Amino acid sequence: MSDIPSTEHFSASDAPELVVAPSATFVATTGSGRPGSDAFYRKHALIADVARALADNGLAPTTPPVIEMLFWYPDHLPSADIADFYSLNPIPSLLYRVTARIDEHASADDIARARSAAASEADRPDELLERYVLKEHAVVQVMHHGPFANEFATLARLGEFAQRAGLRRAGPHREIHLDSFTRTTPQDGLRTILRDPVA
């Protein structure tokens, strides 16, 4: 990967690009089903609340936290590539991981203490929180502007770029939501980095 330029974690161009994404550590929880569901937004709120508590102790880099999503499908379904990621398989079959970046030295115990301190209304006794690490890896990425429903066209551009470079998706599709949002947030001004590991 020495000949591929590196990118900052929260940076992407408006034009598709091939870069090396840095290693990063997260607090995370997993889920399944359609993005935008009650469960999706509850998990989103929980991770944000715990990340804020970690930031209060100097163990998370951003306040408010930047929520990142990783999406993939069960192994028995057809393998979707970048351009058709949201159109090949039924959306309710999605599996996902909700994450927020934390300090690389933050431990599982730090996460547990932050969870207790956050006392989030979105928490549930059976919700598993984990320390999750992504290693440095090659990705194609692009900045998406506006509503999530319009990502199809942006992913089509990103997929065409990857295809011309002879690359295919090689791991979960990733979305980095640079702007905080809730179910009712107007989406026209939102910025989302669409980032896919490739090989």
Protein backbone atom coordinates (compact mmCIF):
# COMPACT_ATOMS: atom_id res chain seq x y z
CA MET A 1 0.00 0.00 0.00
CA SER A 2 3.06 2.24 -0.02
CA ASP A 3 2.09 3.73 -3.39
CA ILE A 4 -1.46 4.65 -2.26
CA PRO A 5 -1.86 8.04 -0.52
CA SER A 6 -3.14 8.11 3.05
CA THR A 7 -6.22 9.96 4.22
CA GLU A 8 -7.22 11.53 7.51
CA HIS A 9 -9.93 9.57 9.27
CA PHE A 10 -12.64 12.24 8.84
CA SER A 11 -11.59 13.44 5.38
CA ALA A 12 -12.78 12.62 1.86
CA SER A 13 -12.94 14.34 -1.51
CA ASP A 14 -16.10 15.12 -3.47
CA ALA A 15 -14.56 13.00 -6.24
CA PRO A 16 -14.02 9.23 -5.77
CA GLU A 17 -10.50 8.35 -4.65
CA LEU A 18 -8.34 5.39 -3.66
CA VAL A 19 -6.60 5.98 -0.33
CA VAL A 20 -5.32 4.20 2.76
CA ALA A 21 -7.58 4.72 5.76
CA PRO A 22 -5.79 4.85 9.12
CA SER A 23 -6.29 2.36 11.93
CA ALA A 24 -8.92 3.46 14.44
CA THR A 25 -10.52 2.30 17.69
CA PHE A 26 -14.24 2.56 18.45
CA VAL A 27 -16.97 1.94 20.97
CA ALA A 28 -19.56 -0.11 19.12
CA THR A 29 -22.73 -2.13 19.19
CA THR A 30 -24.35 -4.30 16.55
CA GLY A 31 -27.82 -4.62 15.09
CA SER A 32 -29.83 -5.87 12.16
CA GLY A 33 -32.62 -4.62 9.96
CA ARG A 34 -33.52 -1.46 8.12
CA PRO A 35 -31.58 1.74 8.90
CA GLY A 36 -34.00 4.32 10.27
CA SER A 37 -35.90 1.90 12.49
CA ASP A 38 -36.58 2.60 16.18
CA ALA A 39 -33.86 0.10 17.13
CA PHE A 40 -31.39 1.77 14.76
CA TYR A 41 -31.91 5.22 16.27
CA ARG A 42 -31.85 3.88 19.82
CA LYS A 43 -28.44 2.25 19.23
CA HIS A 44 -27.28 5.44 17.50
CA ALA A 45 -28.23 7.49 20.59
CA LEU A 46 -26.62 5.02 22.99
CA ILE A 47 -23.26 5.05 21.21
CA ALA A 48 -23.35 8.85 21.03
CA ASP A 49 -24.07 9.13 24.77
CA VAL A 50 -21.28 6.72 25.74
CA ALA A 51 -18.82 8.44 23.39
CA ARG A 52 -19.65 11.80 25.01
CA ALA A 53 -18.94 10.32 28.44
CA LEU A 54 -15.60 9.01 27.14
CA ALA A 55 -14.81 12.44 25.68
CA ASP A 56 -15.47 14.00 29.09
CA ASN A 57 -12.52 11.91 30.33
CA GLY A 58 -10.30 12.70 27.35
CA LEU A 59 -10.85 9.26 25.80
CA ALA A 60 -12.69 10.26 22.60
CA PRO A 61 -11.51 12.71 19.94
CA THR A 62 -14.69 14.57 18.97
CA THR A 63 -17.58 16.29 20.74
CA PRO A 64 -20.25 15.88 19.57
CA PRO A 65 -19.25 12.36 18.55
CA VAL A 66 -19.11 11.39 14.89
CA ILE A 67 -21.27 8.31 14.39
CA GLU A 68 -19.98 5.76 11.88
CA MET A 69 -21.84 2.78 10.47
CA LEU A 70 -20.60 -0.48 9.02
CA PHE A 71 -23.10 -2.44 6.93
CA TRP A 72 -22.97 -5.96 5.50
CA TYR A 73 -25.30 -8.83 4.56
CA PRO A 74 -25.57 -12.39 5.91
CA ASP A 75 -23.27 -14.87 4.18
CA HIS A 76 -26.14 -16.76 2.53
CA LEU A 77 -27.17 -13.74 0.45
CA PRO A 78 -25.54 -12.73 -2.87
CA SER A 79 -22.37 -10.66 -2.47
CA ALA A 80 -23.20 -7.04 -3.26
CA ASP A 81 -20.47 -4.84 -4.69
CA ILE A 82 -20.14 -1.10 -4.16
CA ALA A 83 -22.59 0.29 -6.72
CA ASP A 84 -25.38 -2.19 -5.96
CA PHE A 85 -24.84 -2.45 -2.21
CA TYR A 86 -28.30 -1.16 -1.31
CA SER A 87 -30.18 -2.59 -4.28
CA LEU A 88 -29.10 -6.23 -4.70
CA ASN A 89 -30.51 -7.64 -1.44
CA PRO A 90 -33.52 -6.76 0.73
CA ILE A 91 -32.62 -3.83 2.97
CA PRO A 92 -34.25 -5.41 6.08
CA SER A 93 -31.67 -8.22 5.86
CA LEU A 94 -28.80 -5.79 6.59
CA LEU A 95 -26.48 -6.35 9.52
CA TYR A 96 -24.75 -3.32 10.97
CA ARG A 97 -22.35 -1.99 13.57
CA VAL A 98 -22.89 1.47 15.10
CA THR A 99 -19.58 3.02 16.17
CA ALA A 100 -17.95 6.18 17.46
CA ARG A 101 -14.23 6.71 17.48
CA ILE A 102 -12.41 6.61 20.83
CA ASP A 103 -8.80 6.90 21.99
CA GLU A 104 -6.72 3.87 21.05
CA HIS A 105 -5.76 3.46 24.71
CA ALA A 106 -9.38 3.37 25.93
CA SER A 107 -10.08 -0.04 27.43
CA ALA A 108 -13.18 -2.17 27.83
CA ASP A 109 -13.24 -1.05 31.47
CA ASP A 110 -13.17 2.59 30.37
CA ILE A 111 -16.15 1.89 28.13
CA ALA A 112 -18.03 0.22 30.99
CA ARG A 113 -17.37 3.19 33.28
CA ALA A 114 -18.46 5.65 30.58
CA ARG A 115 -21.62 3.64 29.98
CA SER A 116 -22.46 3.83 33.67
CA ALA A 117 -21.70 7.56 33.80
CA ALA A 118 -23.76 8.27 30.68
CA ALA A 119 -26.87 6.61 32.16
CA SER A 120 -28.33 6.84 28.64
CA GLU A 121 -32.09 6.62 28.21
CA ALA A 122 -31.27 4.61 25.08
CA ASP A 123 -29.45 1.89 27.05
CA ARG A 124 -30.84 -1.61 27.54
CA PRO A 125 -29.52 -4.28 29.94
CA ASP A 126 -29.01 -6.76 27.11
CA GLU A 127 -27.21 -4.30 24.78
CA LEU A 128 -23.63 -5.45 24.21
CA LEU A 129 -21.04 -2.70 23.89
CA GLU A 130 -17.59 -3.57 22.59
CA ARG A 131 -14.20 -2.06 21.91
CA TYR A 132 -13.77 -2.45 18.15
CA VAL A 133 -10.60 -1.87 16.12
CA LEU A 134 -10.21 -1.32 12.38
CA LYS A 135 -6.68 -1.72 11.06
CA GLU A 136 -5.13 0.43 8.34
CA HIS A 137 -6.52 -0.63 4.97
CA ALA A 138 -6.99 0.46 1.36
CA VAL A 139 -10.39 1.98 0.58
CA VAL A 140 -12.26 3.80 -2.13
CA GLN A 141 -14.22 6.72 -0.76
CA VAL A 142 -16.20 9.80 -1.69
CA MET A 143 -18.05 12.56 0.14
CA HIS A 144 -21.82 12.38 -0.19
CA HIS A 145 -23.82 15.57 0.31
CA GLY A 146 -27.49 15.58 1.21
CA PRO A 147 -30.21 13.02 1.91
CA PHE A 148 -29.33 9.40 2.60
CA ALA A 149 -31.91 8.36 -0.02
CA ASN A 150 -29.68 9.93 -2.69
CA GLU A 151 -26.68 7.75 -1.86
CA PHE A 152 -27.54 5.37 -4.72
CA ALA A 153 -26.18 7.81 -7.30
CA THR A 154 -23.05 8.57 -5.24
CA LEU A 155 -22.36 4.86 -4.71
CA ALA A 156 -22.80 4.31 -8.45
CA ARG A 157 -20.00 6.84 -9.09
CA LEU A 158 -17.82 5.24 -6.43
CA GLY A 159 -18.48 1.75 -7.79
CA GLU A 160 -17.64 2.81 -11.34
CA PHE A 161 -14.37 4.33 -10.09
CA ALA A 162 -13.45 1.11 -8.28
CA GLN A 163 -14.38 -1.02 -11.27
CA ARG A 164 -12.13 1.02 -13.59
CA ALA A 165 -9.29 0.47 -11.12
CA GLY A 166 -9.95 -3.29 -11.06
CA LEU A 167 -11.05 -3.22 -7.42
CA ARG A 168 -13.95 -4.85 -5.55
CA ARG A 169 -15.46 -4.34 -2.14
CA ALA A 170 -13.59 -6.44 0.44
CA GLY A 171 -15.43 -5.86 3.71
CA PRO A 172 -18.34 -3.98 5.24
CA HIS A 173 -19.59 -0.81 3.58
CA ARG A 174 -18.83 2.15 5.83
CA GLU A 175 -20.59 5.46 6.34
CA ILE A 176 -19.05 8.25 8.41
CA HIS A 177 -21.69 10.80 9.40
CA LEU A 178 -19.78 14.03 9.89
CA ASP A 179 -22.90 15.90 10.99
CA SER A 180 -25.07 14.90 13.94
CA PHE A 181 -28.58 13.81 13.00
CA THR A 182 -31.76 12.36 14.46
CA ARG A 183 -34.86 10.96 12.81
CA THR A 184 -36.23 14.50 12.31
CA THR A 185 -33.04 16.29 11.18
CA PRO A 186 -33.36 17.91 7.71
CA GLN A 187 -30.91 16.00 5.52
CA ASP A 188 -30.14 18.47 2.73
CA GLY A 189 -26.96 19.76 4.41
CA LEU A 190 -25.62 16.48 5.79
CA ARG A 191 -22.13 15.26 4.84
CA THR A 192 -21.45 11.53 4.77
CA ILE A 193 -18.19 9.84 3.83
CA LEU A 194 -18.96 6.66 1.88
CA ARG A 195 -15.94 4.39 2.33
CA ASP A 196 -15.47 0.82 1.12
CA PRO A 197 -12.49 -1.47 1.76
CA VAL A 198 -11.16 -2.84 -1.51
CA ALA A 199 -8.85 -5.49 -2.86
